[in-house]
């Protein structure tokens, strides 16, 4: 599996080409999460479950990665700064039309509704339970499995 955490300085070309099939990966998942310890745990879980996972710390990185890596699914934290998670969700949904699972500590129905209206296909309360996260990812990427 491929895991790679981007930083401000990275190679000019993607380290994980979108067109390259690299073994038995179940799919590409982009995680947009600004809290480093949470991101490391989630990427480790996704990688351990057989997914290729990349982590972006902010909206700009996330939008750029989504453009060249073409993930199959995005897990997006609503706590992203400038622009906020809802705006990032809108932009990603409009540009890429791929499943977006929102992760957020808030369970306010208004926030959940706003996330779905912005283009999210699912909503998970944080802290994430790994079993539930993997089940929902499988349901979106492998509905017949």
Foldseek 3Di string as FASTA:
>chain_A
DAEDEDDPDDDPDDPDFQPDDDPDALWEEEEADQDVVLVVVLCVLNVVVRHHYYYDNALVVRVVCCVGNVTQEYEYEQPHVDPGRLVSLLVCCVVRVHAYEYEYQDPPPVVVVSSVVSPHPYYDYPPDDSVVVVVVVCCRRPVPD
